[in-house]
Amino acid sequence: MPDIDEPLPLPENPATVADLLPHLPVPYEYAKQYACVFSQELADRLVEIQQANPIQFRVTPLALTDGRYMIRTAILSECPNGLYGENFARLDASRFDEIALVPWAEAVALLPQPDPEGL
């Protein structure tokens, strides 16, 4: 029988933020491997929550070339009780399964690239 205080093993290939909820806060070294990727609707809601609570630590959703948005999953190392805890508590947890966890390099490859002629 596992020790009740022993942390659950982290998933090798989490698909969504919902997969990480039992593990919060996740270690930074683990979280930084991924980006949280989500719809414009969820990006707008995230901005709205942060505007209503401007003193708290903020994250900025970045637009991707496929119409979705991303933030660093490393923010989950500060949830639910760390720097981002208060705003995290305002998010709709029933929608965490809509936030994909994408390997960092794959998400970064979807960021708009500057026009080399304009540099």
PDB file of N, CA and C in Angstrom:
ATOM      1  N   MET A   1       0.851  -1.176   0.000  1.00  0.00           N
ATOM      2  CA  MET A   1       0.000   0.000   0.000  1.00  0.00           C
ATOM      3  C   MET A   1       0.896   1.238   0.000  1.00  0.00           C
ATOM      4  N   PRO A   2       0.692   2.192  -0.921  1.00  0.00           N
ATOM      5  CA  PRO A   2       1.554   3.376  -0.979  1.00  0.00           C
ATOM      6  C   PRO A   2       1.335   4.274   0.234  1.00  0.00           C
ATOM      7  N   ASP A   3       2.405   4.976   0.581  1.00  0.00           N
ATOM      8  CA  ASP A   3       2.342   5.943   1.676  1.00  0.00           C
ATOM      9  C   ASP A   3       1.414   7.074   1.260  1.00  0.00           C
ATOM     10  N   ILE A   4       0.500   7.470   2.131  1.00  0.00           N
ATOM     11  CA  ILE A   4      -0.492   8.506   1.807  1.00  0.00           C
ATOM     12  C   ILE A   4       0.167   9.866   1.537  1.00  0.00           C
ATOM     13  N   ASP A   5       1.354  10.086   2.104  1.00  0.00           N
ATOM     14  CA  ASP A   5       2.051  11.358   1.882  1.00  0.00           C
ATOM     15  C   ASP A   5       2.975  11.312   0.675  1.00  0.00           C
ATOM     16  N   GLU A   6       3.112  10.153   0.078  1.00  0.00           N
ATOM     17  CA  GLU A   6       3.990  10.013  -1.084  1.00  0.00           C
ATOM     18  C   GLU A   6       3.303  10.625  -2.303  1.00  0.00           C
ATOM     19  N   PRO A   7       3.989  11.513  -3.042  1.00  0.00           N
ATOM     20  CA  PRO A   7       3.342  12.135  -4.208  1.00  0.00           C
ATOM     21  C   PRO A   7       3.068  11.104  -5.302  1.00  0.00           C
ATOM     22  N   LEU A   8       2.011  11.335  -6.049  1.00  0.00           N
ATOM     23  CA  LEU A   8       1.702  10.482  -7.191  1.00  0.00           C
ATOM     24  C   LEU A   8       2.783  10.652  -8.244  1.00  0.00           C
ATOM     25  N   PRO A   9       3.121   9.587  -8.965  1.00  0.00           N
ATOM     26  CA  PRO A   9       4.092   9.756 -10.055  1.00  0.00           C
ATOM     27  C   PRO A   9       3.502  10.659 -11.141  1.00  0.00           C
ATOM     28  N   LEU A  10       4.325  11.520 -11.676  1.00  0.00           N
ATOM     29  CA  LEU A  10       3.875  12.432 -12.732  1.00  0.00           C
ATOM     30  C   LEU A  10       3.655  11.666 -14.029  1.00  0.00           C
ATOM     31  N   PRO A  11       2.622  12.019 -14.791  1.00  0.00           N
ATOM     32  CA  PRO A  11       2.378  11.316 -16.055  1.00  0.00           C
ATOM     33  C   PRO A  11       3.502  11.574 -17.058  1.00  0.00           C
ATOM     34  N   GLU A  12       3.839  10.530 -17.815  1.00  0.00           N
ATOM     35  CA  GLU A  12       4.897  10.665 -18.828  1.00  0.00           C
ATOM     36  C   GLU A  12       4.460  11.517 -20.007  1.00  0.00           C
ATOM     37  N   ASN A  13       3.214  11.378 -20.415  1.00  0.00           N
ATOM     38  CA  ASN A  13       2.701  12.110 -21.568  1.00  0.00           C
ATOM     39  C   ASN A  13       1.332  12.695 -21.257  1.00  0.00           C
ATOM     40  N   PRO A  14       1.277  13.729 -20.415  1.00  0.00           N
ATOM     41  CA  PRO A  14      -0.030  14.303 -20.091  1.00  0.00           C
ATOM     42  C   PRO A  14      -0.635  14.954 -21.336  1.00  0.00           C
ATOM     43  N   ALA A  15      -1.950  14.808 -21.491  1.00  0.00           N
ATOM     44  CA  ALA A  15      -2.614  15.371 -22.664  1.00  0.00           C
ATOM     45  C   ALA A  15      -3.190  16.757 -22.395  1.00  0.00           C
ATOM     46  N   THR A  16      -3.696  16.968 -21.174  1.00  0.00           N
ATOM     47  CA  THR A  16      -4.336  18.249 -20.851  1.00  0.00           C
ATOM     48  C   THR A  16      -3.965  18.668 -19.427  1.00  0.00           C
ATOM     49  N   VAL A  17      -4.282  19.905 -19.107  1.00  0.00           N
ATOM     50  CA  VAL A  17      -4.056  20.404 -17.750  1.00  0.00           C
ATOM     51  C   VAL A  17      -4.831  19.553 -16.742  1.00  0.00           C
ATOM     52  N   ALA A  18      -5.994  19.054 -17.132  1.00  0.00           N
ATOM     53  CA  ALA A  18      -6.778  18.206 -16.222  1.00  0.00           C
ATOM     54  C   ALA A  18      -5.967  17.001 -15.755  1.00  0.00           C
ATOM     55  N   ASP A  19      -5.074  16.489 -16.606  1.00  0.00           N
ATOM     56  CA  ASP A  19      -4.246  15.339 -16.228  1.00  0.00           C
ATOM     57  C   ASP A  19      -3.270  15.670 -15.104  1.00  0.00           C
ATOM     58  N   LEU A  20      -2.955  16.949 -14.932  1.00  0.00           N
ATOM     59  CA  LEU A  20      -1.970  17.346 -13.924  1.00  0.00           C
ATOM     60  C   LEU A  20      -2.593  17.820 -12.618  1.00  0.00           C
ATOM     61  N   LEU A  21      -3.909  18.002 -12.579  1.00  0.00           N
ATOM     62  CA  LEU A  21      -4.541  18.535 -11.373  1.00  0.00           C
ATOM     63  C   LEU A  21      -4.184  17.755 -10.099  1.00  0.00           C
ATOM     64  N   PRO A  22      -4.154  16.426 -10.118  1.00  0.00           N
ATOM     65  CA  PRO A  22      -3.823  15.718  -8.879  1.00  0.00           C
ATOM     66  C   PRO A  22      -2.378  15.914  -8.431  1.00  0.00           C
ATOM     67  N   HIS A  23      -1.558  16.520  -9.296  1.00  0.00           N
ATOM     68  CA  HIS A  23      -0.121  16.655  -9.037  1.00  0.00           C
ATOM     69  C   HIS A  23       0.305  18.079  -8.670  1.00  0.00           C
ATOM     70  N   LEU A  24      -0.633  19.008  -8.632  1.00  0.00           N
ATOM     71  CA  LEU A  24      -0.283  20.411  -8.390  1.00  0.00           C
ATOM     72  C   LEU A  24       0.211  20.624  -6.973  1.00  0.00           C
ATOM     73  N   PRO A  25       1.208  21.485  -6.816  1.00  0.00           N
ATOM     74  CA  PRO A  25       2.008  22.128  -7.870  1.00  0.00           C
ATOM     75  C   PRO A  25       2.976  21.116  -8.477  1.00  0.00           C
ATOM     76  N   VAL A  26       3.141  21.193  -9.781  1.00  0.00           N
ATOM     77  CA  VAL A  26       4.088  20.293 -10.435  1.00  0.00           C
ATOM     78  C   VAL A  26       5.481  20.900 -10.357  1.00  0.00           C
ATOM     79  N   PRO A  27       6.516  20.066 -10.307  1.00  0.00           N
ATOM     80  CA  PRO A  27       7.878  20.608 -10.276  1.00  0.00           C
ATOM     81  C   PRO A  27       8.172  21.437 -11.532  1.00  0.00           C
ATOM     82  N   TYR A  28       8.871  22.523 -11.346  1.00  0.00           N
ATOM     83  CA  TYR A  28       9.204  23.417 -12.456  1.00  0.00           C
ATOM     84  C   TYR A  28       9.926  22.664 -13.579  1.00  0.00           C
ATOM     85  N   GLU A  29      10.890  21.817 -13.229  1.00  0.00           N
ATOM     86  CA  GLU A  29      11.670  21.101 -14.246  1.00  0.00           C
ATOM     87  C   GLU A  29      10.783  20.216 -15.114  1.00  0.00           C
ATOM     88  N   TYR A  30       9.731  19.686 -14.543  1.00  0.00           N
ATOM     89  CA  TYR A  30       8.769  18.879 -15.297  1.00  0.00           C
ATOM     90  C   TYR A  30       7.889  19.789 -16.157  1.00  0.00           C
ATOM     91  N   ALA A  31       7.338  20.822 -15.546  1.00  0.00           N
ATOM     92  CA  ALA A  31       6.372  21.697 -16.220  1.00  0.00           C
ATOM     93  C   ALA A  31       6.971  22.426 -17.411  1.00  0.00           C
ATOM     94  N   LYS A  32       8.226  22.796 -17.324  1.00  0.00           N
ATOM     95  CA  LYS A  32       8.811  23.608 -18.407  1.00  0.00           C
ATOM     96  C   LYS A  32       8.973  22.835 -19.714  1.00  0.00           C
ATOM     97  N   GLN A  33       8.711  21.549 -19.694  1.00  0.00           N
ATOM     98  CA  GLN A  33       8.786  20.752 -20.922  1.00  0.00           C
ATOM     99  C   GLN A  33       7.607  20.995 -21.852  1.00  0.00           C
ATOM    100  N   TYR A  34       6.547  21.637 -21.319  1.00  0.00           N
ATOM    101  CA  TYR A  34       5.282  21.758 -22.040  1.00  0.00           C
ATOM    102  C   TYR A  34       4.809  23.203 -22.145  1.00  0.00           C
ATOM    103  N   ALA A  35       3.922  23.404 -23.104  1.00  0.00           N
ATOM    104  CA  ALA A  35       3.164  24.650 -23.209  1.00  0.00           C
ATOM    105  C   ALA A  35       1.695  24.290 -23.046  1.00  0.00           C
ATOM    106  N   CYS A  36       0.946  25.184 -22.411  1.00  0.00           N
ATOM    107  CA  CYS A  36      -0.511  25.066 -22.352  1.00  0.00           C
ATOM    108  C   CYS A  36      -1.037  25.736 -23.613  1.00  0.00           C
ATOM    109  N   VAL A  37      -1.792  24.999 -24.424  1.00  0.00           N
ATOM    110  CA  VAL A  37      -2.302  25.509 -25.699  1.00  0.00           C
ATOM    111  C   VAL A  37      -3.830  25.432 -25.656  1.00  0.00           C
ATOM    112  N   PHE A  38      -4.470  26.571 -26.018  1.00  0.00           N
ATOM    113  CA  PHE A  38      -5.917  26.669 -25.827  1.00  0.00           C
ATOM    114  C   PHE A  38      -6.539  27.638 -26.819  1.00  0.00           C
ATOM    115  N   SER A  39      -7.863  27.665 -26.810  1.00  0.00           N
ATOM    116  CA  SER A  39      -8.645  28.478 -27.754  1.00  0.00           C
ATOM    117  C   SER A  39      -8.576  29.969 -27.422  1.00  0.00           C
ATOM    118  N   GLN A  40      -8.987  30.771 -28.403  1.00  0.00           N
ATOM    119  CA  GLN A  40      -9.070  32.208 -28.172  1.00  0.00           C
ATOM    120  C   GLN A  40     -10.074  32.517 -27.076  1.00  0.00           C
ATOM    121  N   GLU A  41     -11.168  31.761 -27.016  1.00  0.00           N
ATOM    122  CA  GLU A  41     -12.177  31.979 -25.970  1.00  0.00           C
ATOM    123  C   GLU A  41     -11.540  31.837 -24.577  1.00  0.00           C
ATOM    124  N   LEU A  42     -10.738  30.804 -24.384  1.00  0.00           N
ATOM    125  CA  LEU A  42     -10.085  30.629 -23.082  1.00  0.00           C
ATOM    126  C   LEU A  42      -9.004  31.683 -22.849  1.00  0.00           C
ATOM    127  N   ALA A  43      -8.325  32.096 -23.912  1.00  0.00           N
ATOM    128  CA  ALA A  43      -7.326  33.163 -23.773  1.00  0.00           C
ATOM    129  C   ALA A  43      -8.002  34.457 -23.325  1.00  0.00           C
ATOM    130  N   ASP A  44      -9.131  34.776 -23.930  1.00  0.00           N
ATOM    131  CA  ASP A  44      -9.869  35.983 -23.553  1.00  0.00           C
ATOM    132  C   ASP A  44     -10.317  35.910 -22.095  1.00  0.00           C
ATOM    133  N   ARG A  45     -10.772  34.738 -21.669  1.00  0.00           N
ATOM    134  CA  ARG A  45     -11.226  34.572 -20.277  1.00  0.00           C
ATOM    135  C   ARG A  45     -10.057  34.732 -19.317  1.00  0.00           C
ATOM    136  N   LEU A  46      -8.898  34.204 -19.666  1.00  0.00           N
ATOM    137  CA  LEU A  46      -7.710  34.343 -18.832  1.00  0.00           C
ATOM    138  C   LEU A  46      -7.336  35.813 -18.668  1.00  0.00           C
ATOM    139  N   VAL A  47      -7.346  36.556 -19.750  1.00  0.00           N
ATOM    140  CA  VAL A  47      -7.039  37.990 -19.701  1.00  0.00           C
ATOM    141  C   VAL A  47      -8.067  38.712 -18.836  1.00  0.00           C
ATOM    142  N   GLU A  48      -9.338  38.382 -19.000  1.00  0.00           N
ATOM    143  CA  GLU A  48     -10.413  39.001 -18.221  1.00  0.00           C
ATOM    144  C   GLU A  48     -10.212  38.765 -16.718  1.00  0.00           C
ATOM    145  N   ILE A  49      -9.885  37.551 -16.342  1.00  0.00           N
ATOM    146  CA  ILE A  49      -9.653  37.222 -14.927  1.00  0.00           C
ATOM    147  C   ILE A  49      -8.485  38.028 -14.379  1.00  0.00           C
ATOM    148  N   GLN A  50      -7.432  38.128 -15.161  1.00  0.00           N
ATOM    149  CA  GLN A  50      -6.253  38.865 -14.702  1.00  0.00           C
ATOM    150  C   GLN A  50      -6.523  40.358 -14.609  1.00  0.00           C
ATOM    151  N   GLN A  51      -7.325  40.903 -15.513  1.00  0.00           N
ATOM    152  CA  GLN A  51      -7.662  42.321 -15.446  1.00  0.00           C
ATOM    153  C   GLN A  51      -8.501  42.627 -14.218  1.00  0.00           C
ATOM    154  N   ALA A  52      -9.327  41.681 -13.792  1.00  0.00           N
ATOM    155  CA  ALA A  52     -10.161  41.880 -12.604  1.00  0.00           C
ATOM    156  C   ALA A  52      -9.347  41.796 -11.314  1.00  0.00           C
ATOM    157  N   ASN A  53      -8.150  41.247 -11.403  1.00  0.00           N
ATOM    158  CA  ASN A  53      -7.288  41.076 -10.235  1.00  0.00           C
ATOM    159  C   ASN A  53      -5.867  41.521 -10.610  1.00  0.00           C
ATOM    160  N   PRO A  54      -5.688  42.819 -10.890  1.00  0.00           N
ATOM    161  CA  PRO A  54      -4.432  43.294 -11.479  1.00  0.00           C
ATOM    162  C   PRO A  54      -3.200  43.213 -10.588  1.00  0.00           C
ATOM    163  N   ILE A  55      -3.360  43.029  -9.310  1.00  0.00           N
ATOM    164  CA  ILE A  55      -2.196  42.996  -8.426  1.00  0.00           C
ATOM    165  C   ILE A  55      -1.472  41.659  -8.519  1.00  0.00           C
ATOM    166  N   GLN A  56      -2.198  40.627  -8.877  1.00  0.00           N
ATOM    167  CA  GLN A  56      -1.630  39.293  -8.923  1.00  0.00           C
ATOM    168  C   GLN A  56      -0.643  39.118 -10.079  1.00  0.00           C
ATOM    169  N   PHE A  57       0.232  38.140  -9.918  1.00  0.00           N
ATOM    170  CA  PHE A  57       1.146  37.704 -10.963  1.00  0.00           C
ATOM    171  C   PHE A  57       0.339  37.387 -12.223  1.00  0.00           C
ATOM    172  N   ARG A  58       0.864  37.744 -13.397  1.00  0.00           N
ATOM    173  CA  ARG A  58       0.134  37.570 -14.653  1.00  0.00           C
ATOM    174  C   ARG A  58       0.923  36.722 -15.644  1.00  0.00           C
ATOM    175  N   VAL A  59       0.182  36.131 -16.565  1.00  0.00           N
ATOM    176  CA  VAL A  59       0.779  35.468 -17.722  1.00  0.00           C
ATOM    177  C   VAL A  59       0.142  36.083 -18.960  1.00  0.00           C
ATOM    178  N   THR A  60       0.862  36.073 -20.052  1.00  0.00           N
ATOM    179  CA  THR A  60       0.361  36.655 -21.292  1.00  0.00           C
ATOM    180  C   THR A  60       0.205  35.562 -22.339  1.00  0.00           C
ATOM    181  N   PRO A  61      -1.029  35.267 -22.741  1.00  0.00           N
ATOM    182  CA  PRO A  61      -1.215  34.277 -23.802  1.00  0.00           C
ATOM    183  C   PRO A  61      -0.600  34.786 -25.114  1.00  0.00           C
ATOM    184  N   LEU A  62       0.155  33.921 -25.769  1.00  0.00           N
ATOM    185  CA  LEU A  62       0.783  34.261 -27.047  1.00  0.00           C
ATOM    186  C   LEU A  62       0.009  33.598 -28.173  1.00  0.00           C
ATOM    187  N   ALA A  63      -0.301  34.382 -29.218  1.00  0.00           N
ATOM    188  CA  ALA A  63      -1.039  33.857 -30.371  1.00  0.00           C
ATOM    189  C   ALA A  63      -0.148  32.929 -31.183  1.00  0.00           C
ATOM    190  N   LEU A  64      -0.718  31.811 -31.601  1.00  0.00           N
ATOM    191  CA  LEU A  64      -0.031  30.857 -32.465  1.00  0.00           C
ATOM    192  C   LEU A  64      -0.563  30.983 -33.881  1.00  0.00           C
ATOM    193  N   THR A  65       0.172  30.467 -34.823  1.00  0.00           N
ATOM    194  CA  THR A  65      -0.220  30.596 -36.228  1.00  0.00           C
ATOM    195  C   THR A  65      -1.463  29.802 -36.583  1.00  0.00           C
ATOM    196  N   ASP A  66      -1.878  28.863 -35.742  1.00  0.00           N
ATOM    197  CA  ASP A  66      -3.066  28.056 -36.033  1.00  0.00           C
ATOM    198  C   ASP A  66      -4.326  28.595 -35.358  1.00  0.00           C
ATOM    199  N   GLY A  67      -4.253  29.811 -34.775  1.00  0.00           N
ATOM    200  CA  GLY A  67      -5.413  30.433 -34.159  1.00  0.00           C
ATOM    201  C   GLY A  67      -5.559  30.150 -32.671  1.00  0.00           C
ATOM    202  N   ARG A  68      -4.735  29.268 -32.144  1.00  0.00           N
ATOM    203  CA  ARG A  68      -4.778  28.989 -30.711  1.00  0.00           C
ATOM    204  C   ARG A  68      -3.779  29.903 -29.995  1.00  0.00           C
ATOM    205  N   TYR A  69      -3.745  29.789 -28.671  1.00  0.00           N
ATOM    206  CA  TYR A  69      -2.863  30.583 -27.832  1.00  0.00           C
ATOM    207  C   TYR A  69      -2.074  29.658 -26.920  1.00  0.00           C
ATOM    208  N   MET A  70      -0.974  30.161 -26.401  1.00  0.00           N
ATOM    209  CA  MET A  70      -0.164  29.359 -25.494  1.00  0.00           C
ATOM    210  C   MET A  70       0.363  30.192 -24.336  1.00  0.00           C
ATOM    211  N   ILE A  71       0.611  29.506 -23.238  1.00  0.00           N
ATOM    212  CA  ILE A  71       1.394  30.035 -22.121  1.00  0.00           C
ATOM    213  C   ILE A  71       2.317  28.907 -21.677  1.00  0.00           C
ATOM    214  N   ARG A  72       3.315  29.244 -20.906  1.00  0.00           N
ATOM    215  CA  ARG A  72       4.225  28.218 -20.379  1.00  0.00           C
ATOM    216  C   ARG A  72       3.513  27.401 -19.309  1.00  0.00           C
ATOM    217  N   THR A  73       3.654  26.113 -19.382  1.00  0.00           N
ATOM    218  CA  THR A  73       3.074  25.234 -18.372  1.00  0.00           C
ATOM    219  C   THR A  73       3.802  25.394 -17.044  1.00  0.00           C
ATOM    220  N   ALA A  74       4.963  26.010 -17.051  1.00  0.00           N
ATOM    221  CA  ALA A  74       5.702  26.244 -15.809  1.00  0.00           C
ATOM    222  C   ALA A  74       4.860  26.998 -14.784  1.00  0.00           C
ATOM    223  N   ILE A  75       3.822  27.695 -15.239  1.00  0.00           N
ATOM    224  CA  ILE A  75       2.935  28.397 -14.312  1.00  0.00           C
ATOM    225  C   ILE A  75       2.305  27.415 -13.326  1.00  0.00           C
ATOM    226  N   LEU A  76       2.173  26.158 -13.722  1.00  0.00           N
ATOM    227  CA  LEU A  76       1.563  25.162 -12.835  1.00  0.00           C
ATOM    228  C   LEU A  76       2.467  24.789 -11.664  1.00  0.00           C
ATOM    229  N   SER A  77       3.700  25.264 -11.683  1.00  0.00           N
ATOM    230  CA  SER A  77       4.563  25.080 -10.508  1.00  0.00           C
ATOM    231  C   SER A  77       4.224  26.118  -9.440  1.00  0.00           C
ATOM    232  N   GLU A  78       3.382  27.093  -9.798  1.00  0.00           N
ATOM    233  CA  GLU A  78       2.954  28.156  -8.881  1.00  0.00           C
ATOM    234  C   GLU A  78       1.466  28.057  -8.541  1.00  0.00           C
ATOM    235  N   CYS A  79       0.865  26.889  -8.793  1.00  0.00           N
ATOM    236  CA  CYS A  79      -0.557  26.682  -8.519  1.00  0.00           C
ATOM    237  C   CYS A  79      -0.720  25.443  -7.649  1.00  0.00           C
ATOM    238  N   PRO A  80      -1.643  25.378  -6.787  1.00  0.00           N
ATOM    239  CA  PRO A  80      -2.711  26.330  -6.549  1.00  0.00           C
ATOM    240  C   PRO A  80      -2.390  27.394  -5.511  1.00  0.00           C
ATOM    241  N   ASN A  81      -1.236  27.308  -4.832  1.00  0.00           N
ATOM    242  CA  ASN A  81      -0.999  28.213  -3.706  1.00  0.00           C
ATOM    243  C   ASN A  81       0.170  29.174  -3.882  1.00  0.00           C
ATOM    244  N   GLY A  82       0.828  29.157  -5.001  1.00  0.00           N
ATOM    245  CA  GLY A  82       1.997  30.000  -5.189  1.00  0.00           C
ATOM    246  C   GLY A  82       1.651  31.358  -5.776  1.00  0.00           C
ATOM    247  N   LEU A  83       2.585  31.913  -6.547  1.00  0.00           N
ATOM    248  CA  LEU A  83       2.422  33.248  -7.124  1.00  0.00           C
ATOM    249  C   LEU A  83       1.156  33.399  -7.956  1.00  0.00           C
ATOM    250  N   TYR A  84       0.744  32.331  -8.616  1.00  0.00           N
ATOM    251  CA  TYR A  84      -0.427  32.420  -9.485  1.00  0.00           C
ATOM    252  C   TYR A  84      -1.674  31.803  -8.852  1.00  0.00           C
ATOM    253  N   GLY A  85      -1.602  31.439  -7.611  1.00  0.00           N
ATOM    254  CA  GLY A  85      -2.685  30.732  -6.943  1.00  0.00           C
ATOM    255  C   GLY A  85      -4.020  31.435  -6.947  1.00  0.00           C
ATOM    256  N   GLU A  86      -4.044  32.735  -6.670  1.00  0.00           N
ATOM    257  CA  GLU A  86      -5.321  33.447  -6.573  1.00  0.00           C
ATOM    258  C   GLU A  86      -6.048  33.495  -7.909  1.00  0.00           C
ATOM    259  N   ASN A  87      -5.340  33.799  -8.985  1.00  0.00           N
ATOM    260  CA  ASN A  87      -5.995  33.821 -10.297  1.00  0.00           C
ATOM    261  C   ASN A  87      -6.331  32.398 -10.754  1.00  0.00           C
ATOM    262  N   PHE A  88      -5.496  31.433 -10.437  1.00  0.00           N
ATOM    263  CA  PHE A  88      -5.777  30.040 -10.793  1.00  0.00           C
ATOM    264  C   PHE A  88      -7.111  29.596 -10.188  1.00  0.00           C
ATOM    265  N   ALA A  89      -7.373  30.013  -8.975  1.00  0.00           N
ATOM    266  CA  ALA A  89      -8.618  29.650  -8.295  1.00  0.00           C
ATOM    267  C   ALA A  89      -9.844  30.228  -9.005  1.00  0.00           C
ATOM    268  N   ARG A  90      -9.674  31.270  -9.791  1.00  0.00           N
ATOM    269  CA  ARG A  90     -10.793  31.900 -10.507  1.00  0.00           C
ATOM    270  C   ARG A  90     -11.081  31.239 -11.857  1.00  0.00           C
ATOM    271  N   LEU A  91     -10.187  30.374 -12.308  1.00  0.00           N
ATOM    272  CA  LEU A  91     -10.383  29.699 -13.590  1.00  0.00           C
ATOM    273  C   LEU A  91     -11.449  28.614 -13.460  1.00  0.00           C
ATOM    274  N   ASP A  92     -12.123  28.313 -14.547  1.00  0.00           N
ATOM    275  CA  ASP A  92     -13.163  27.290 -14.570  1.00  0.00           C
ATOM    276  C   ASP A  92     -12.502  25.920 -14.737  1.00  0.00           C
ATOM    277  N   ALA A  93     -12.360  25.192 -13.638  1.00  0.00           N
ATOM    278  CA  ALA A  93     -11.674  23.898 -13.648  1.00  0.00           C
ATOM    279  C   ALA A  93     -12.359  22.883 -14.558  1.00  0.00           C
ATOM    280  N   SER A  94     -13.637  23.057 -14.836  1.00  0.00           N
ATOM    281  CA  SER A  94     -14.332  22.116 -15.713  1.00  0.00           C
ATOM    282  C   SER A  94     -13.834  22.222 -17.158  1.00  0.00           C
ATOM    283  N   ARG A  95     -13.056  23.268 -17.453  1.00  0.00           N
ATOM    284  CA  ARG A  95     -12.548  23.451 -18.820  1.00  0.00           C
ATOM    285  C   ARG A  95     -11.061  23.120 -18.948  1.00  0.00           C
ATOM    286  N   PHE A  96     -10.445  22.626 -17.880  1.00  0.00           N
ATOM    287  CA  PHE A  96      -9.018  22.301 -17.932  1.00  0.00           C
ATOM    288  C   PHE A  96      -8.720  21.192 -18.942  1.00  0.00           C
ATOM    289  N   ASP A  97      -9.716  20.366 -19.266  1.00  0.00           N
ATOM    290  CA  ASP A  97      -9.487  19.331 -20.272  1.00  0.00           C
ATOM    291  C   ASP A  97      -9.467  19.907 -21.689  1.00  0.00           C
ATOM    292  N   GLU A  98      -9.753  21.199 -21.830  1.00  0.00           N
ATOM    293  CA  GLU A  98      -9.675  21.882 -23.123  1.00  0.00           C
ATOM    294  C   GLU A  98      -8.311  22.539 -23.333  1.00  0.00           C
ATOM    295  N   ILE A  99      -7.452  22.460 -22.336  1.00  0.00           N
ATOM    296  CA  ILE A  99      -6.122  23.078 -22.428  1.00  0.00           C
ATOM    297  C   ILE A  99      -5.105  21.972 -22.679  1.00  0.00           C
ATOM    298  N   ALA A 100      -4.652  21.885 -23.916  1.00  0.00           N
ATOM    299  CA  ALA A 100      -3.713  20.835 -24.312  1.00  0.00           C
ATOM    300  C   ALA A 100      -2.323  21.116 -23.760  1.00  0.00           C
ATOM    301  N   LEU A 101      -1.631  20.047 -23.401  1.00  0.00           N
ATOM    302  CA  LEU A 101      -0.215  20.157 -23.036  1.00  0.00           C
ATOM    303  C   LEU A 101       0.587  19.685 -24.234  1.00  0.00           C
ATOM    304  N   VAL A 102       1.313  20.612 -24.823  1.00  0.00           N
ATOM    305  CA  VAL A 102       2.064  20.362 -26.048  1.00  0.00           C
ATOM    306  C   VAL A 102       3.547  20.481 -25.712  1.00  0.00           C
ATOM    307  N   PRO A 103       4.380  19.553 -26.215  1.00  0.00           N
ATOM    308  CA  PRO A 103       5.813  19.712 -25.973  1.00  0.00           C
ATOM    309  C   PRO A 103       6.272  21.122 -26.370  1.00  0.00           C
ATOM    310  N   TRP A 104       7.123  21.690 -25.531  1.00  0.00           N
ATOM    311  CA  TRP A 104       7.543  23.077 -25.688  1.00  0.00           C
ATOM    312  C   TRP A 104       8.031  23.379 -27.107  1.00  0.00           C
ATOM    313  N   ALA A 105       8.900  22.562 -27.663  1.00  0.00           N
ATOM    314  CA  ALA A 105       9.457  22.835 -28.998  1.00  0.00           C
ATOM    315  C   ALA A 105       8.366  22.852 -30.064  1.00  0.00           C
ATOM    316  N   GLU A 106       7.369  21.980 -29.952  1.00  0.00           N
ATOM    317  CA  GLU A 106       6.269  21.958 -30.920  1.00  0.00           C
ATOM    318  C   GLU A 106       5.429  23.228 -30.832  1.00  0.00           C
ATOM    319  N   ALA A 107       5.177  23.694 -29.623  1.00  0.00           N
ATOM    320  CA  ALA A 107       4.390  24.914 -29.449  1.00  0.00           C
ATOM    321  C   ALA A 107       5.155  26.127 -29.964  1.00  0.00           C
ATOM    322  N   VAL A 108       6.425  26.214 -29.639  1.00  0.00           N
ATOM    323  CA  VAL A 108       7.240  27.352 -30.083  1.00  0.00           C
ATOM    324  C   VAL A 108       7.311  27.393 -31.606  1.00  0.00           C
ATOM    325  N   ALA A 109       7.307  26.233 -32.250  1.00  0.00           N
ATOM    326  CA  ALA A 109       7.344  26.190 -33.715  1.00  0.00           C
ATOM    327  C   ALA A 109       6.078  26.805 -34.323  1.00  0.00           C
ATOM    328  N   LEU A 110       4.998  26.928 -33.542  1.00  0.00           N
ATOM    329  CA  LEU A 110       3.754  27.527 -34.027  1.00  0.00           C
ATOM    330  C   LEU A 110       3.671  29.031 -33.788  1.00  0.00           C
ATOM    331  N   LEU A 111       4.688  29.601 -33.168  1.00  0.00           N
ATOM    332  CA  LEU A 111       4.703  31.057 -32.968  1.00  0.00           C
ATOM    333  C   LEU A 111       4.958  31.749 -34.309  1.00  0.00           C
ATOM    334  N   PRO A 112       4.322  32.886 -34.554  1.00  0.00           N
ATOM    335  CA  PRO A 112       4.581  33.611 -35.801  1.00  0.00           C
ATOM    336  C   PRO A 112       6.066  33.992 -35.898  1.00  0.00           C
ATOM    337  N   GLN A 113       6.599  33.875 -37.086  1.00  0.00           N
ATOM    338  CA  GLN A 113       7.995  34.207 -37.321  1.00  0.00           C
ATOM    339  C   GLN A 113       8.092  35.581 -37.995  1.00  0.00           C
ATOM    340  N   PRO A 114       9.099  36.363 -37.598  1.00  0.00           N
ATOM    341  CA  PRO A 114       9.240  37.681 -38.250  1.00  0.00           C
ATOM    342  C   PRO A 114       9.642  37.520 -39.709  1.00  0.00           C
ATOM    343  N   ASP A 115       9.248  38.484 -40.498  1.00  0.00           N
ATOM    344  CA  ASP A 115       9.638  38.500 -41.902  1.00  0.00           C
ATOM    345  C   ASP A 115      11.119  38.833 -41.964  1.00  0.00           C
ATOM    346  N   PRO A 116      11.947  37.931 -42.512  1.00  0.00           N
ATOM    347  CA  PRO A 116      13.394  38.189 -42.529  1.00  0.00           C
ATOM    348  C   PRO A 116      13.760  39.442 -43.333  1.00  0.00           C
ATOM    349  N   GLU A 117      12.932  39.827 -44.291  1.00  0.00           N
ATOM    350  CA  GLU A 117      13.221  41.020 -45.077  1.00  0.00           C
ATOM    351  C   GLU A 117      12.979  42.299 -44.275  1.00  0.00           C
ATOM    352  N   GLY A 118      12.144  42.188 -43.228  1.00  0.00           N
ATOM    353  CA  GLY A 118      11.845  43.360 -42.406  1.00  0.00           C
ATOM    354  C   GLY A 118      12.834  43.561 -41.289  1.00  0.00           C
ATOM    355  N   LEU A 119      13.808  42.687 -41.172  1.00  0.00           N
ATOM    356  CA  LEU A 119      14.801  42.805 -40.076  1.00  0.00           C
ATOM    357  C   LEU A 119      15.926  43.726 -40.421  1.00  0.00           C
TER     358      LEU A 119
END
